[in-house]
Amino acid sequence: MLCQVFRSSRQQEMYLYVEKSRGLDAVPDELLARFGTPTPVMVLLLTPERSLARAESSAVLASIEQQGFYLQMPPTPSQLLQRERGNA
């Protein structure tokens, strides 16, 4: 799937993944209101085998197919600690 990724203008490290050909059409207005202005950050070919930094690509694909989008939330404090420990 050709996927478009948008960054939130309101929440750091929050991203919205959508099928590029559909754009933001399937994203509920309530979510877009909380997300803020979507800023395009990348287009990628998403396959089940593709490695993503903070999500399983198969889960992202399934969410996009089922509801039209995948919302990646900012990391939790424990995830940030794990990330820092991994870089130490």
N, C-alpha and C. Protein backbone atom coordinates (compact mmCIF):
# COMPACT_ATOMS: atom_id res chain seq x y z
N MET A 1 0.85 -1.17 0.00
CA MET A 1 0.00 0.00 0.00
C MET A 1 0.90 1.24 0.00
N LEU A 2 0.55 2.20 -0.83
CA LEU A 2 1.24 3.48 -0.83
C LEU A 2 0.61 4.32 0.28
N CYS A 3 1.41 4.66 1.27
CA CYS A 3 0.92 5.27 2.50
C CYS A 3 1.46 6.68 2.64
N GLN A 4 0.59 7.61 3.04
CA GLN A 4 0.97 8.99 3.33
C GLN A 4 0.97 9.14 4.85
N VAL A 5 2.02 9.75 5.39
CA VAL A 5 2.13 9.95 6.83
C VAL A 5 2.08 11.46 7.11
N PHE A 6 1.26 11.83 8.09
CA PHE A 6 1.11 13.22 8.50
C PHE A 6 1.52 13.39 9.95
N ARG A 7 2.14 14.51 10.27
CA ARG A 7 2.51 14.86 11.63
C ARG A 7 1.46 15.80 12.21
N SER A 8 1.16 15.66 13.47
CA SER A 8 0.20 16.53 14.15
C SER A 8 0.82 17.89 14.45
N SER A 9 0.03 18.94 14.29
CA SER A 9 0.50 20.28 14.67
C SER A 9 0.27 20.54 16.16
N ARG A 10 -0.49 19.68 16.81
CA ARG A 10 -0.84 19.90 18.22
C ARG A 10 -0.10 19.01 19.20
N GLN A 11 0.31 17.84 18.76
CA GLN A 11 0.92 16.88 19.68
C GLN A 11 2.21 16.35 19.08
N GLN A 12 3.30 16.60 19.77
CA GLN A 12 4.60 16.13 19.30
C GLN A 12 4.62 14.60 19.26
N GLU A 13 5.20 14.05 18.22
CA GLU A 13 5.35 12.61 17.99
C GLU A 13 4.02 11.88 17.79
N MET A 14 2.99 12.58 17.33
CA MET A 14 1.73 11.94 16.95
C MET A 14 1.66 11.99 15.43
N TYR A 15 1.37 10.81 14.83
CA TYR A 15 1.35 10.70 13.37
C TYR A 15 0.09 9.99 12.91
N LEU A 16 -0.35 10.34 11.73
CA LEU A 16 -1.53 9.75 11.12
C LEU A 16 -1.11 9.12 9.80
N TYR A 17 -1.39 7.83 9.64
CA TYR A 17 -1.07 7.08 8.43
C TYR A 17 -2.37 6.86 7.65
N VAL A 18 -2.36 7.15 6.36
CA VAL A 18 -3.53 6.92 5.51
C VAL A 18 -3.07 6.37 4.16
N GLU A 19 -3.99 5.75 3.46
CA GLU A 19 -3.70 5.32 2.09
C GLU A 19 -3.60 6.58 1.24
N LYS A 20 -2.52 6.73 0.52
CA LYS A 20 -2.26 7.97 -0.22
C LYS A 20 -3.39 8.32 -1.17
N SER A 21 -3.93 7.35 -1.89
CA SER A 21 -4.97 7.63 -2.88
C SER A 21 -6.27 8.14 -2.25
N ARG A 22 -6.52 7.80 -0.98
CA ARG A 22 -7.74 8.23 -0.29
C ARG A 22 -7.52 9.50 0.53
N GLY A 23 -6.29 9.75 0.88
CA GLY A 23 -5.99 10.93 1.68
C GLY A 23 -6.68 10.88 3.04
N LEU A 24 -7.12 12.03 3.50
CA LEU A 24 -7.71 12.15 4.82
C LEU A 24 -9.23 11.97 4.83
N ASP A 25 -9.81 11.54 3.71
CA ASP A 25 -11.27 11.41 3.60
C ASP A 25 -11.90 10.53 4.66
N ALA A 26 -11.24 9.46 5.07
CA ALA A 26 -11.82 8.51 6.02
C ALA A 26 -11.58 8.89 7.47
N VAL A 27 -10.78 9.92 7.71
CA VAL A 27 -10.46 10.32 9.08
C VAL A 27 -11.62 11.14 9.64
N PRO A 28 -12.17 10.74 10.79
CA PRO A 28 -13.30 11.47 11.38
C PRO A 28 -12.93 12.93 11.68
N ASP A 29 -13.90 13.81 11.51
CA ASP A 29 -13.69 15.24 11.77
C ASP A 29 -13.24 15.49 13.21
N GLU A 30 -13.79 14.73 14.16
CA GLU A 30 -13.43 14.90 15.57
C GLU A 30 -11.94 14.61 15.79
N LEU A 31 -11.44 13.58 15.12
CA LEU A 31 -10.02 13.25 15.25
C LEU A 31 -9.17 14.35 14.62
N LEU A 32 -9.56 14.81 13.45
CA LEU A 32 -8.79 15.88 12.80
C LEU A 32 -8.79 17.15 13.65
N ALA A 33 -9.89 17.44 14.33
CA ALA A 33 -9.94 18.62 15.18
C ALA A 33 -8.94 18.51 16.33
N ARG A 34 -8.81 17.33 16.90
CA ARG A 34 -7.85 17.11 18.00
C ARG A 34 -6.42 16.99 17.49
N PHE A 35 -6.27 16.47 16.27
CA PHE A 35 -4.95 16.26 15.67
C PHE A 35 -4.31 17.58 15.27
N GLY A 36 -5.14 18.54 14.88
CA GLY A 36 -4.61 19.82 14.41
C GLY A 36 -4.36 19.75 12.91
N THR A 37 -3.59 20.68 12.41
CA THR A 37 -3.29 20.73 10.98
C THR A 37 -2.35 19.58 10.62
N PRO A 38 -2.79 18.68 9.74
CA PRO A 38 -1.91 17.58 9.33
C PRO A 38 -0.81 18.09 8.39
N THR A 39 0.42 17.84 8.78
CA THR A 39 1.57 18.24 7.97
C THR A 39 2.16 16.98 7.33
N PRO A 40 2.17 16.91 5.99
CA PRO A 40 2.73 15.72 5.34
C PRO A 40 4.23 15.60 5.65
N VAL A 41 4.65 14.40 6.06
CA VAL A 41 6.07 14.18 6.35
C VAL A 41 6.73 13.15 5.45
N MET A 42 5.95 12.20 4.94
CA MET A 42 6.55 11.20 4.03
C MET A 42 5.48 10.37 3.34
N VAL A 43 5.90 9.78 2.24
CA VAL A 43 5.11 8.78 1.53
C VAL A 43 5.98 7.53 1.50
N LEU A 44 5.40 6.40 1.84
CA LEU A 44 6.18 5.16 1.83
C LEU A 44 5.35 4.00 1.32
N LEU A 45 6.03 3.04 0.76
CA LEU A 45 5.39 1.80 0.32
C LEU A 45 5.35 0.89 1.55
N LEU A 46 4.16 0.67 2.06
CA LEU A 46 3.99 -0.10 3.29
C LEU A 46 3.61 -1.53 2.96
N THR A 47 4.42 -2.47 3.41
CA THR A 47 4.17 -3.90 3.24
C THR A 47 4.23 -4.55 4.63
N PRO A 48 3.66 -5.74 4.79
CA PRO A 48 3.73 -6.40 6.10
C PRO A 48 5.17 -6.65 6.58
N GLU A 49 6.10 -6.74 5.65
CA GLU A 49 7.49 -7.02 6.01
C GLU A 49 8.28 -5.77 6.38
N ARG A 50 7.75 -4.61 6.05
CA ARG A 50 8.49 -3.37 6.28
C ARG A 50 8.64 -3.10 7.77
N SER A 51 9.83 -2.68 8.15
CA SER A 51 10.11 -2.35 9.54
C SER A 51 9.77 -0.88 9.80
N LEU A 52 8.99 -0.64 10.85
CA LEU A 52 8.67 0.72 11.28
C LEU A 52 9.23 0.93 12.68
N ALA A 53 9.50 2.17 13.02
CA ALA A 53 10.16 2.48 14.30
C ALA A 53 9.30 2.13 15.51
N ARG A 54 8.01 2.50 15.50
CA ARG A 54 7.20 2.34 16.71
C ARG A 54 5.89 1.61 16.49
N ALA A 55 5.76 0.93 15.38
CA ALA A 55 4.52 0.20 15.12
C ALA A 55 4.82 -1.02 14.26
N GLU A 56 3.95 -2.01 14.38
CA GLU A 56 4.04 -3.19 13.52
C GLU A 56 3.36 -2.84 12.20
N SER A 57 4.04 -3.01 11.10
CA SER A 57 3.47 -2.64 9.80
C SER A 57 2.18 -3.40 9.51
N SER A 58 2.08 -4.65 9.96
CA SER A 58 0.85 -5.41 9.72
C SER A 58 -0.33 -4.78 10.46
N ALA A 59 -0.10 -4.26 11.66
CA ALA A 59 -1.16 -3.59 12.42
C ALA A 59 -1.56 -2.28 11.77
N VAL A 60 -0.59 -1.56 11.24
CA VAL A 60 -0.86 -0.30 10.55
C VAL A 60 -1.71 -0.57 9.30
N LEU A 61 -1.31 -1.56 8.52
CA LEU A 61 -2.06 -1.93 7.32
C LEU A 61 -3.48 -2.35 7.65
N ALA A 62 -3.64 -3.18 8.68
CA ALA A 62 -4.97 -3.65 9.06
C ALA A 62 -5.85 -2.49 9.49
N SER A 63 -5.30 -1.57 10.26
CA SER A 63 -6.08 -0.42 10.72
C SER A 63 -6.51 0.46 9.55
N ILE A 64 -5.61 0.69 8.62
CA ILE A 64 -5.95 1.51 7.45
C ILE A 64 -7.03 0.83 6.62
N GLU A 65 -6.93 -0.48 6.46
CA GLU A 65 -7.93 -1.21 5.68
C GLU A 65 -9.29 -1.23 6.38
N GLN A 66 -9.30 -1.34 7.71
CA GLN A 66 -10.55 -1.45 8.46
C GLN A 66 -11.22 -0.10 8.71
N GLN A 67 -10.43 0.91 9.10
CA GLN A 67 -11.05 2.18 9.45
C GLN A 67 -10.60 3.36 8.61
N GLY A 68 -9.65 3.13 7.71
CA GLY A 68 -9.22 4.19 6.80
C GLY A 68 -8.03 4.99 7.27
N PHE A 69 -7.51 4.69 8.47
CA PHE A 69 -6.36 5.41 9.00
C PHE A 69 -5.73 4.62 10.14
N TYR A 70 -4.50 5.00 10.50
CA TYR A 70 -3.83 4.48 11.68
C TYR A 70 -3.28 5.69 12.42
N LEU A 71 -3.58 5.81 13.70
CA LEU A 71 -3.09 6.91 14.52
C LEU A 71 -1.97 6.40 15.41
N GLN A 72 -0.79 6.96 15.23
CA GLN A 72 0.36 6.61 16.08
C GLN A 72 0.47 7.67 17.17
N MET A 73 0.27 7.22 18.39
CA MET A 73 0.31 8.11 19.54
C MET A 73 1.75 8.36 19.98
N PRO A 74 1.98 9.45 20.71
CA PRO A 74 3.32 9.71 21.25
C PRO A 74 3.73 8.59 22.20
N PRO A 75 5.02 8.37 22.36
CA PRO A 75 5.47 7.32 23.28
C PRO A 75 5.12 7.66 24.72
N THR A 76 4.89 6.62 25.51
CA THR A 76 4.64 6.79 26.93
C THR A 76 5.97 7.04 27.64
N PRO A 77 5.94 7.52 28.88
CA PRO A 77 7.20 7.72 29.61
C PRO A 77 8.04 6.45 29.71
N SER A 78 7.39 5.29 29.90
CA SER A 78 8.17 4.05 29.99
C SER A 78 8.81 3.69 28.65
N GLN A 79 8.12 3.98 27.55
CA GLN A 79 8.71 3.73 26.23
C GLN A 79 9.90 4.65 26.00
N LEU A 80 9.81 5.90 26.46
CA LEU A 80 10.93 6.84 26.33
C LEU A 80 12.13 6.36 27.13
N LEU A 81 11.88 5.84 28.34
CA LEU A 81 12.97 5.29 29.15
C LEU A 81 13.64 4.11 28.46
N GLN A 82 12.83 3.22 27.90
CA GLN A 82 13.38 2.07 27.19
C GLN A 82 14.22 2.52 26.00
N ARG A 83 13.73 3.54 25.28
CA ARG A 83 14.46 4.05 24.13
C ARG A 83 15.81 4.62 24.56
N GLU A 84 15.82 5.38 25.69
CA GLU A 84 17.07 5.95 26.20
C GLU A 84 18.04 4.87 26.66
N ARG A 85 17.52 3.83 27.31
CA ARG A 85 18.37 2.74 27.77
C ARG A 85 18.97 1.97 26.60
N GLY A 86 18.20 1.87 25.52
CA GLY A 86 18.70 1.18 24.33
C GLY A 86 19.81 1.93 23.64
N ASN A 87 19.82 3.26 23.80
CA ASN A 87 20.87 4.09 23.18
C ASN A 87 22.07 4.27 24.09
N ALA A 88 22.00 3.82 25.33
CA ALA A 88 23.11 4.02 26.28
C ALA A 88 24.16 2.96 26.15
